[in-house]
């Protein structure tokens, strides 16, 4: 009887090690995985950059059709503000139709291959101004698609071993139908205006 009780802790340890080994592949990360790379478009799977809230693990891999991703991209608008008091500029589209068409299938493919600790990072150039780039992150959490725009049509000029990036006017994303900004605190406080959440169900 005494021997039976002595073997129980050993069994618990073995079971714990087994569970840890089984769950390890779903939580580990890997070197950045390139999904698409061209002169005008880059889509890469990577870890969430430092400085963002620790809300991982994400619900990856996640199957989402390219046409759904296209709808989200095409619906996204921003307000660049106005330099004149009491006036407001017209909202602009974050992505052109062509950009949304190029991005959608690659983002769909990336989300389907992402690990729980990875986000999809993208860089896309403007068709008319290839020197201007829009960069962002996308991931799925709780059947909601999160889209963060880090830079919006930001010019980048290569110099001698350094990059000069022109200051971009202040802007914020405008939530569309059923969309909302990410809020860092309960009750919708601490709004992050370049971070849009879209329900998928």
C-alpha atoms as a PDB file:
ATOM      1  CA  UNK A   1       0.000   0.000   0.000  1.00  0.00           C
ATOM      2  CA  UNK A   2       2.848   2.327   0.872  1.00  0.00           C
ATOM      3  CA  UNK A   3       4.554   1.605  -2.450  1.00  0.00           C
ATOM      4  CA  UNK A   4       1.426   2.621  -4.379  1.00  0.00           C
ATOM      5  CA  UNK A   5       1.413   6.077  -2.763  1.00  0.00           C
ATOM      6  CA  UNK A   6       5.119   6.492  -3.469  1.00  0.00           C
ATOM      7  CA  UNK A   7       4.632   5.849  -7.185  1.00  0.00           C
ATOM      8  CA  UNK A   8       1.861   8.425  -7.618  1.00  0.00           C
ATOM      9  CA  UNK A   9       4.135  11.511  -7.566  1.00  0.00           C
ATOM     10  CA  UNK A  10       6.346   9.896 -10.198  1.00  0.00           C
ATOM     11  CA  UNK A  11       3.333   9.295 -12.431  1.00  0.00           C
ATOM     12  CA  UNK A  12       2.248  12.908 -12.021  1.00  0.00           C
ATOM     13  CA  UNK A  13       5.712  14.144 -13.041  1.00  0.00           C
ATOM     14  CA  UNK A  14       5.748  11.887 -16.107  1.00  0.00           C
ATOM     15  CA  UNK A  15       2.242  13.068 -17.077  1.00  0.00           C
ATOM     16  CA  UNK A  16       3.252  16.724 -16.643  1.00  0.00           C
ATOM     17  CA  UNK A  17       6.342  16.272 -18.832  1.00  0.00           C
ATOM     18  CA  UNK A  18       4.261  14.502 -21.482  1.00  0.00           C
ATOM     19  CA  UNK A  19       1.678  17.336 -21.532  1.00  0.00           C
ATOM     20  CA  UNK A  20       4.443  19.924 -21.770  1.00  0.00           C
ATOM     21  CA  UNK A  21       6.036  18.129 -24.724  1.00  0.00           C
ATOM     22  CA  UNK A  22       2.686  17.738 -26.487  1.00  0.00           C
ATOM     23  CA  UNK A  23       1.775  21.415 -26.080  1.00  0.00           C
ATOM     24  CA  UNK A  24       5.246  22.684 -27.012  1.00  0.00           C
ATOM     25  CA  UNK A  25       4.835  22.575 -30.822  1.00  0.00           C
ATOM     26  CA  UNK A  26       1.688  24.730 -30.689  1.00  0.00           C
ATOM     27  CA  UNK A  27       3.359  27.468 -28.644  1.00  0.00           C
ATOM     28  CA  UNK A  28       6.840  27.626 -30.097  1.00  0.00           C
ATOM     29  CA  UNK A  29       7.945  30.206 -32.631  1.00  0.00           C
ATOM     30  CA  UNK A  30      10.212  29.912 -35.643  1.00  0.00           C
ATOM     31  CA  UNK A  31      12.345  32.224 -37.748  1.00  0.00           C
ATOM     32  CA  UNK A  32      10.358  34.672 -39.849  1.00  0.00           C
ATOM     33  CA  UNK A  33       8.517  32.773 -42.575  1.00  0.00           C
ATOM     34  CA  UNK A  34       8.190  34.611 -45.895  1.00  0.00           C
ATOM     35  CA  UNK A  35       4.784  34.088 -47.495  1.00  0.00           C
ATOM     36  CA  UNK A  36       5.282  36.536 -50.372  1.00  0.00           C
ATOM     37  CA  UNK A  37       8.150  38.779 -51.412  1.00  0.00           C
ATOM     38  CA  UNK A  38       8.309  41.185 -54.354  1.00  0.00           C
ATOM     39  CA  UNK A  39       9.383  44.758 -55.065  1.00  0.00           C
ATOM     40  CA  UNK A  40       5.951  46.118 -54.114  1.00  0.00           C
ATOM     41  CA  UNK A  41       4.629  43.616 -51.566  1.00  0.00           C
ATOM     42  CA  UNK A  42       6.020  41.662 -48.629  1.00  0.00           C
ATOM     43  CA  UNK A  43       4.048  39.321 -46.333  1.00  0.00           C
ATOM     44  CA  UNK A  44       5.902  37.589 -43.499  1.00  0.00           C
ATOM     45  CA  UNK A  45       4.964  35.555 -40.421  1.00  0.00           C
ATOM     46  CA  UNK A  46       6.817  36.788 -37.340  1.00  0.00           C
ATOM     47  CA  UNK A  47       6.504  37.272 -33.591  1.00  0.00           C
ATOM     48  CA  UNK A  48       4.486  40.226 -32.316  1.00  0.00           C
ATOM     49  CA  UNK A  49       6.831  43.249 -32.144  1.00  0.00           C
ATOM     50  CA  UNK A  50       7.849  44.558 -28.725  1.00  0.00           C
ATOM     51  CA  UNK A  51       5.701  47.281 -27.224  1.00  0.00           C
ATOM     52  CA  UNK A  52       2.296  45.791 -28.014  1.00  0.00           C
ATOM     53  CA  UNK A  53      -0.007  44.296 -25.347  1.00  0.00           C
ATOM     54  CA  UNK A  54       0.690  40.655 -24.462  1.00  0.00           C
ATOM     55  CA  UNK A  55      -2.580  39.194 -25.771  1.00  0.00           C
ATOM     56  CA  UNK A  56      -1.142  36.024 -27.303  1.00  0.00           C
ATOM     57  CA  UNK A  57      -1.661  33.179 -28.053  1.00  0.00           C
ATOM     58  CA  UNK A  58      -3.721  34.002 -31.121  1.00  0.00           C
ATOM     59  CA  UNK A  59      -6.306  31.725 -32.731  1.00  0.00           C
ATOM     60  CA  UNK A  60      -3.904  30.517 -35.393  1.00  0.00           C
ATOM     61  CA  UNK A  61      -3.859  28.855 -37.793  1.00  0.00           C
ATOM     62  CA  UNK A  62      -7.146  30.401 -38.933  1.00  0.00           C
ATOM     63  CA  UNK A  63      -8.976  29.734 -42.175  1.00  0.00           C
ATOM     64  CA  UNK A  64     -10.362  32.904 -43.734  1.00  0.00           C
ATOM     65  CA  UNK A  65     -11.288  33.286 -47.379  1.00  0.00           C
ATOM     66  CA  UNK A  66      -9.428  35.892 -49.474  1.00  0.00           C
ATOM     67  CA  UNK A  67     -12.707  37.631 -50.381  1.00  0.00           C
ATOM     68  CA  UNK A  68     -13.407  38.242 -46.669  1.00  0.00           C
ATOM     69  CA  UNK A  69      -9.944  39.717 -46.161  1.00  0.00           C
ATOM     70  CA  UNK A  70     -10.516  41.873 -49.259  1.00  0.00           C
ATOM     71  CA  UNK A  71     -13.794  43.196 -47.809  1.00  0.00           C
ATOM     72  CA  UNK A  72     -12.034  44.232 -44.598  1.00  0.00           C
ATOM     73  CA  UNK A  73      -9.141  45.906 -46.425  1.00  0.00           C
ATOM     74  CA  UNK A  74     -11.439  47.710 -48.868  1.00  0.00           C
ATOM     75  CA  UNK A  75     -13.642  49.006 -46.040  1.00  0.00           C
ATOM     76  CA  UNK A  76     -10.780  50.610 -44.137  1.00  0.00           C
ATOM     77  CA  UNK A  77     -10.663  54.424 -44.105  1.00  0.00           C
ATOM     78  CA  UNK A  78      -8.635  57.001 -42.212  1.00  0.00           C
ATOM     79  CA  UNK A  79      -8.924  60.619 -41.169  1.00  0.00           C
ATOM     80  CA  UNK A  80      -5.749  62.637 -41.625  1.00  0.00           C
ATOM     81  CA  UNK A  81      -7.110  65.578 -39.631  1.00  0.00           C
ATOM     82  CA  UNK A  82      -6.926  69.160 -40.799  1.00  0.00           C
ATOM     83  CA  UNK A  83      -4.540  72.024 -40.214  1.00  0.00           C
ATOM     84  CA  UNK A  84      -7.483  74.458 -40.185  1.00  0.00           C
ATOM     85  CA  UNK A  85      -9.490  74.978 -36.978  1.00  0.00           C
ATOM     86  CA  UNK A  86     -13.066  73.618 -36.920  1.00  0.00           C
ATOM     87  CA  UNK A  87     -12.592  71.854 -40.251  1.00  0.00           C
ATOM     88  CA  UNK A  88     -12.288  68.173 -41.065  1.00  0.00           C
ATOM     89  CA  UNK A  89     -10.660  66.522 -44.030  1.00  0.00           C
ATOM     90  CA  UNK A  90     -12.437  63.951 -46.178  1.00  0.00           C
ATOM     91  CA  UNK A  91     -11.766  60.348 -45.098  1.00  0.00           C
ATOM     92  CA  UNK A  92      -9.325  58.514 -47.343  1.00  0.00           C
ATOM     93  CA  UNK A  93      -9.069  54.828 -48.218  1.00  0.00           C
ATOM     94  CA  UNK A  94      -6.175  53.065 -46.528  1.00  0.00           C
ATOM     95  CA  UNK A  95      -5.797  50.678 -49.490  1.00  0.00           C
ATOM     96  CA  UNK A  96      -6.590  51.108 -53.158  1.00  0.00           C
ATOM     97  CA  UNK A  97      -8.669  48.393 -54.825  1.00  0.00           C
ATOM     98  CA  UNK A  98      -5.518  47.041 -56.478  1.00  0.00           C
ATOM     99  CA  UNK A  99      -3.629  46.938 -53.186  1.00  0.00           C
ATOM    100  CA  UNK A 100      -6.504  45.119 -51.478  1.00  0.00           C
ATOM    101  CA  UNK A 101      -6.626  42.618 -54.344  1.00  0.00           C
ATOM    102  CA  UNK A 102      -2.884  41.984 -54.041  1.00  0.00           C
ATOM    103  CA  UNK A 103      -2.855  41.739 -50.254  1.00  0.00           C
ATOM    104  CA  UNK A 104      -5.987  39.661 -49.609  1.00  0.00           C
ATOM    105  CA  UNK A 105      -4.879  36.231 -50.926  1.00  0.00           C
ATOM    106  CA  UNK A 106      -1.425  36.514 -49.315  1.00  0.00           C
ATOM    107  CA  UNK A 107      -2.834  37.550 -45.925  1.00  0.00           C
ATOM    108  CA  UNK A 108      -5.387  34.728 -46.136  1.00  0.00           C
ATOM    109  CA  UNK A 109      -2.592  32.254 -46.855  1.00  0.00           C
ATOM    110  CA  UNK A 110      -0.472  33.632 -44.007  1.00  0.00           C
ATOM    111  CA  UNK A 111      -3.239  33.388 -41.393  1.00  0.00           C
ATOM    112  CA  UNK A 112      -3.831  29.788 -42.447  1.00  0.00           C
ATOM    113  CA  UNK A 113      -0.155  28.960 -41.788  1.00  0.00           C
ATOM    114  CA  UNK A 114       0.489  31.108 -38.708  1.00  0.00           C
ATOM    115  CA  UNK A 115       1.414  29.650 -35.329  1.00  0.00           C
ATOM    116  CA  UNK A 116      -0.375  30.838 -32.148  1.00  0.00           C
ATOM    117  CA  UNK A 117       2.442  33.263 -31.271  1.00  0.00           C
ATOM    118  CA  UNK A 118       2.866  34.704 -34.787  1.00  0.00           C
ATOM    119  CA  UNK A 119       1.337  37.695 -36.534  1.00  0.00           C
ATOM    120  CA  UNK A 120       1.213  38.455 -40.235  1.00  0.00           C
ATOM    121  CA  UNK A 121       3.378  41.471 -41.046  1.00  0.00           C
ATOM    122  CA  UNK A 122       3.016  43.197 -44.403  1.00  0.00           C
ATOM    123  CA  UNK A 123       4.540  46.025 -46.420  1.00  0.00           C
ATOM    124  CA  UNK A 124       2.885  47.303 -49.583  1.00  0.00           C
ATOM    125  CA  UNK A 125       3.970  50.118 -51.872  1.00  0.00           C
ATOM    126  CA  UNK A 126       1.693  52.675 -53.504  1.00  0.00           C
ATOM    127  CA  UNK A 127       1.104  51.962 -57.184  1.00  0.00           C
ATOM    128  CA  UNK A 128       1.694  55.599 -58.177  1.00  0.00           C
ATOM    129  CA  UNK A 129       4.414  56.327 -55.624  1.00  0.00           C
ATOM    130  CA  UNK A 130       6.504  53.172 -55.049  1.00  0.00           C
ATOM    131  CA  UNK A 131       8.653  55.081 -52.545  1.00  0.00           C
ATOM    132  CA  UNK A 132       5.639  55.366 -50.229  1.00  0.00           C
ATOM    133  CA  UNK A 133       4.939  52.287 -48.142  1.00  0.00           C
ATOM    134  CA  UNK A 134       2.086  51.184 -45.901  1.00  0.00           C
ATOM    135  CA  UNK A 135       3.036  48.686 -43.224  1.00  0.00           C
ATOM    136  CA  UNK A 136       0.921  46.739 -40.770  1.00  0.00           C
ATOM    137  CA  UNK A 137       0.130  43.627 -38.772  1.00  0.00           C
ATOM    138  CA  UNK A 138      -2.817  41.223 -38.897  1.00  0.00           C
ATOM    139  CA  UNK A 139      -3.914  38.396 -36.602  1.00  0.00           C
ATOM    140  CA  UNK A 140      -7.047  36.631 -35.350  1.00  0.00           C
ATOM    141  CA  UNK A 141      -8.128  36.523 -31.716  1.00  0.00           C
ATOM    142  CA  UNK A 142     -11.476  35.165 -30.561  1.00  0.00           C
ATOM    143  CA  UNK A 143     -13.045  35.060 -34.044  1.00  0.00           C
ATOM    144  CA  UNK A 144     -12.112  38.712 -34.574  1.00  0.00           C
ATOM    145  CA  UNK A 145      -9.676  40.005 -37.167  1.00  0.00           C
ATOM    146  CA  UNK A 146      -7.199  42.533 -35.783  1.00  0.00           C
ATOM    147  CA  UNK A 147      -5.513  44.938 -38.202  1.00  0.00           C
ATOM    148  CA  UNK A 148      -2.840  47.388 -37.078  1.00  0.00           C
ATOM    149  CA  UNK A 149      -1.547  50.009 -39.520  1.00  0.00           C
ATOM    150  CA  UNK A 150       1.925  50.993 -38.331  1.00  0.00           C
ATOM    151  CA  UNK A 151       2.828  53.359 -41.168  1.00  0.00           C
ATOM    152  CA  UNK A 152       0.518  54.895 -43.742  1.00  0.00           C
ATOM    153  CA  UNK A 153       2.055  55.824 -47.103  1.00  0.00           C
ATOM    154  CA  UNK A 154       5.275  56.767 -45.405  1.00  0.00           C
ATOM    155  CA  UNK A 155       8.044  57.950 -47.740  1.00  0.00           C
ATOM    156  CA  UNK A 156      11.400  56.273 -47.324  1.00  0.00           C
ATOM    157  CA  UNK A 157      14.545  57.578 -49.023  1.00  0.00           C
ATOM    158  CA  UNK A 158      17.703  55.519 -48.908  1.00  0.00           C
ATOM    159  CA  UNK A 159      20.845  57.477 -48.132  1.00  0.00           C
ATOM    160  CA  UNK A 160      24.381  56.466 -47.279  1.00  0.00           C
ATOM    161  CA  UNK A 161      23.902  53.647 -44.741  1.00  0.00           C
ATOM    162  CA  UNK A 162      20.863  55.351 -43.243  1.00  0.00           C
ATOM    163  CA  UNK A 163      17.195  55.858 -44.012  1.00  0.00           C
ATOM    164  CA  UNK A 164      15.438  59.198 -43.903  1.00  0.00           C
ATOM    165  CA  UNK A 165      11.717  59.006 -43.252  1.00  0.00           C
ATOM    166  CA  UNK A 166       9.621  62.117 -43.660  1.00  0.00           C
ATOM    167  CA  UNK A 167       7.221  63.053 -40.873  1.00  0.00           C
ATOM    168  CA  UNK A 168       3.670  61.900 -41.621  1.00  0.00           C
ATOM    169  CA  UNK A 169       0.703  64.059 -40.587  1.00  0.00           C
ATOM    170  CA  UNK A 170      -1.348  62.693 -37.706  1.00  0.00           C
ATOM    171  CA  UNK A 171      -4.081  60.316 -38.801  1.00  0.00           C
ATOM    172  CA  UNK A 172      -6.460  57.765 -37.320  1.00  0.00           C
ATOM    173  CA  UNK A 173      -8.364  54.784 -38.647  1.00  0.00           C
ATOM    174  CA  UNK A 174     -12.138  55.165 -38.841  1.00  0.00           C
ATOM    175  CA  UNK A 175     -14.130  52.110 -37.687  1.00  0.00           C
ATOM    176  CA  UNK A 176     -16.713  50.942 -40.228  1.00  0.00           C
ATOM    177  CA  UNK A 177     -19.823  48.840 -39.767  1.00  0.00           C
ATOM    178  CA  UNK A 178     -19.436  46.507 -36.738  1.00  0.00           C
ATOM    179  CA  UNK A 179     -15.768  47.521 -36.405  1.00  0.00           C
ATOM    180  CA  UNK A 180     -14.148  49.104 -33.363  1.00  0.00           C
ATOM    181  CA  UNK A 181     -10.798  50.399 -32.172  1.00  0.00           C
ATOM    182  CA  UNK A 182      -8.710  48.304 -29.818  1.00  0.00           C
ATOM    183  CA  UNK A 183      -8.950  49.637 -26.263  1.00  0.00           C
ATOM    184  CA  UNK A 184      -6.198  48.920 -23.762  1.00  0.00           C
ATOM    185  CA  UNK A 185      -8.497  49.376 -20.742  1.00  0.00           C
ATOM    186  CA  UNK A 186     -12.026  48.192 -19.874  1.00  0.00           C
ATOM    187  CA  UNK A 187     -14.958  50.334 -20.926  1.00  0.00           C
ATOM    188  CA  UNK A 188     -13.420  51.347 -24.242  1.00  0.00           C
ATOM    189  CA  UNK A 189     -10.734  53.514 -22.619  1.00  0.00           C
ATOM    190  CA  UNK A 190      -7.184  53.722 -23.899  1.00  0.00           C
ATOM    191  CA  UNK A 191      -8.271  53.636 -27.551  1.00  0.00           C
ATOM    192  CA  UNK A 192      -5.540  52.791 -30.068  1.00  0.00           C
ATOM    193  CA  UNK A 193      -6.616  54.628 -33.215  1.00  0.00           C
ATOM    194  CA  UNK A 194      -4.419  52.729 -35.688  1.00  0.00           C
ATOM    195  CA  UNK A 195      -5.777  49.341 -34.516  1.00  0.00           C
ATOM    196  CA  UNK A 196      -9.113  48.114 -35.944  1.00  0.00           C
ATOM    197  CA  UNK A 197     -11.008  44.983 -34.867  1.00  0.00           C
ATOM    198  CA  UNK A 198     -13.535  43.315 -37.211  1.00  0.00           C
ATOM    199  CA  UNK A 199     -15.837  40.455 -36.055  1.00  0.00           C
ATOM    200  CA  UNK A 200     -15.618  37.434 -38.358  1.00  0.00           C
ATOM    201  CA  UNK A 201     -18.812  35.675 -37.181  1.00  0.00           C
END
